[in-house]
Amino acid sequence: MNKGEFVDELSEKTGFTKKDSKKALDSMLEIITGALEEGDYVMFTGFGKFEPRARKATTRLNPRTGDEIEVPAKVVPKFKAGKTLKETVQENLEAVETDDGLEIEKK
């Protein structure tokens, strides 16, 4: 589902116009982004937690040249799924092994 499809579904579920639904979604994303920019977290109980996480500096190999590259320490956004979201996904979907690897199917 992309952003446009999400806005369409939000509009259907809330009865808002598509314009208002897009504005609400954009506002929510701005609030979450703003909190992360400030070093804060946003938690929706049962759904999950958005938070900034620090990563250590590391040394990696360039796959083209084989040379070592120094990757500096950085802060990245992290999402950790909540218990209710995890349970809902696990109850409704299953991983199935195929010749091409793993696929996700509805139960």
Protein backbone atom coordinates (compact mmCIF):
# COMPACT_ATOMS: atom_id res chain seq x y z
CA MET A 1 0.00 0.00 0.00
CA ASN A 2 1.40 3.38 -0.95
CA LYS A 3 0.57 6.78 0.53
CA GLY A 4 -2.23 7.51 -1.95
CA GLU A 5 -3.90 4.17 -1.28
CA PHE A 6 -3.54 4.76 2.46
CA VAL A 7 -5.19 8.19 2.13
CA ASP A 8 -8.06 6.61 0.16
CA GLU A 9 -8.65 3.97 2.84
CA LEU A 10 -8.36 6.55 5.63
CA SER A 11 -10.94 8.67 3.85
CA GLU A 12 -13.33 5.70 3.57
CA LYS A 13 -12.94 4.67 7.22
CA THR A 14 -13.27 8.17 8.71
CA GLY A 15 -15.68 9.81 6.30
CA PHE A 16 -13.18 12.65 5.84
CA THR A 17 -12.56 14.04 2.39
CA LYS A 18 -9.42 12.78 0.66
CA LYS A 19 -7.93 16.27 1.07
CA ASP A 20 -8.57 16.23 4.84
CA SER A 21 -7.32 12.65 5.14
CA LYS A 22 -4.08 13.58 3.36
CA LYS A 23 -3.69 16.61 5.62
CA ALA A 24 -4.23 14.47 8.74
CA LEU A 25 -1.70 11.86 7.57
CA ASP A 26 0.88 14.50 6.63
CA SER A 27 0.40 16.18 10.02
CA MET A 28 0.89 12.89 11.86
CA LEU A 29 4.07 12.15 9.93
CA GLU A 30 5.38 15.68 10.62
CA ILE A 31 4.75 15.22 14.36
CA ILE A 32 6.58 11.87 14.43
CA THR A 33 9.47 13.28 12.38
CA GLY A 34 9.68 16.35 14.61
CA ALA A 35 9.84 14.23 17.76
CA LEU A 36 12.62 12.09 16.27
CA GLU A 37 14.53 15.23 15.22
CA GLU A 38 14.42 16.36 18.85
CA GLY A 39 15.76 12.99 20.06
CA ASP A 40 12.38 12.00 21.52
CA TYR A 41 10.26 8.91 20.84
CA VAL A 42 6.63 8.41 19.84
CA MET A 43 4.81 5.38 21.24
CA PHE A 44 1.38 4.07 20.32
CA THR A 45 0.54 1.41 22.90
CA GLY A 46 -0.08 -1.93 21.21
CA PHE A 47 1.05 -0.64 17.80
CA GLY A 48 4.69 0.28 18.29
CA LYS A 49 7.37 2.80 19.10
CA PHE A 50 9.31 5.16 16.81
CA GLU A 51 12.64 6.26 18.26
CA PRO A 52 16.07 7.54 17.25
CA ARG A 53 18.88 5.02 17.74
CA ALA A 54 22.64 5.57 17.71
CA ARG A 55 24.84 3.28 15.61
CA LYS A 56 28.52 2.76 16.30
CA ALA A 57 31.20 3.59 13.75
CA THR A 58 32.24 0.48 11.83
CA THR A 59 34.62 -0.70 9.15
CA ARG A 60 33.00 -2.29 6.06
CA LEU A 61 34.24 -3.74 2.80
CA ASN A 62 33.44 -2.09 -0.51
CA PRO A 63 31.95 -4.97 -2.56
CA ARG A 64 33.31 -3.56 -5.84
CA THR A 65 36.90 -2.93 -4.81
CA GLY A 66 37.33 -4.99 -1.64
CA ASP A 67 38.77 -1.88 0.08
CA GLU A 68 37.91 -1.17 3.70
CA ILE A 69 35.63 1.82 4.28
CA GLU A 70 35.17 3.65 7.56
CA VAL A 71 31.46 4.19 8.26
CA PRO A 72 31.02 6.94 10.86
CA ALA A 73 28.69 6.73 13.86
CA LYS A 74 25.22 7.98 13.10
CA VAL A 75 21.67 8.25 14.40
CA VAL A 76 18.91 6.39 12.55
CA PRO A 77 15.14 6.13 13.01
CA LYS A 78 13.94 2.82 14.47
CA PHE A 79 10.47 1.28 14.69
CA LYS A 80 9.73 -1.48 17.17
CA ALA A 81 6.39 -3.23 16.70
CA GLY A 82 4.12 -3.50 19.74
CA LYS A 83 2.73 -6.73 21.15
CA THR A 84 -0.78 -6.33 19.68
CA LEU A 85 0.56 -5.58 16.17
CA LYS A 86 2.92 -8.56 16.31
CA GLU A 87 0.15 -10.90 17.46
CA THR A 88 -2.26 -9.65 14.77
CA VAL A 89 0.28 -10.22 12.00
CA GLN A 90 1.23 -13.66 13.31
CA GLU A 91 -2.43 -14.72 13.62
CA ASN A 92 -3.28 -13.72 10.04
CA LEU A 93 -0.14 -14.47 8.03
CA GLU A 94 2.33 -17.32 7.74
CA ALA A 95 5.74 -17.81 6.18
CA VAL A 96 5.80 -20.57 3.56
CA GLU A 97 9.01 -22.04 2.14
CA THR A 98 9.10 -22.31 -1.65
CA ASP A 99 11.79 -23.13 -4.18
CA ASP A 100 12.41 -19.36 -4.52
CA GLY A 101 12.75 -18.81 -0.77
CA LEU A 102 10.17 -17.63 1.74
CA GLU A 103 6.79 -16.18 0.83
CA ILE A 104 4.08 -14.65 2.98
CA GLU A 105 0.57 -16.06 2.73
CA LYS A 106 -2.75 -15.41 4.47
CA LYS A 107 -3.82 -18.16 6.87
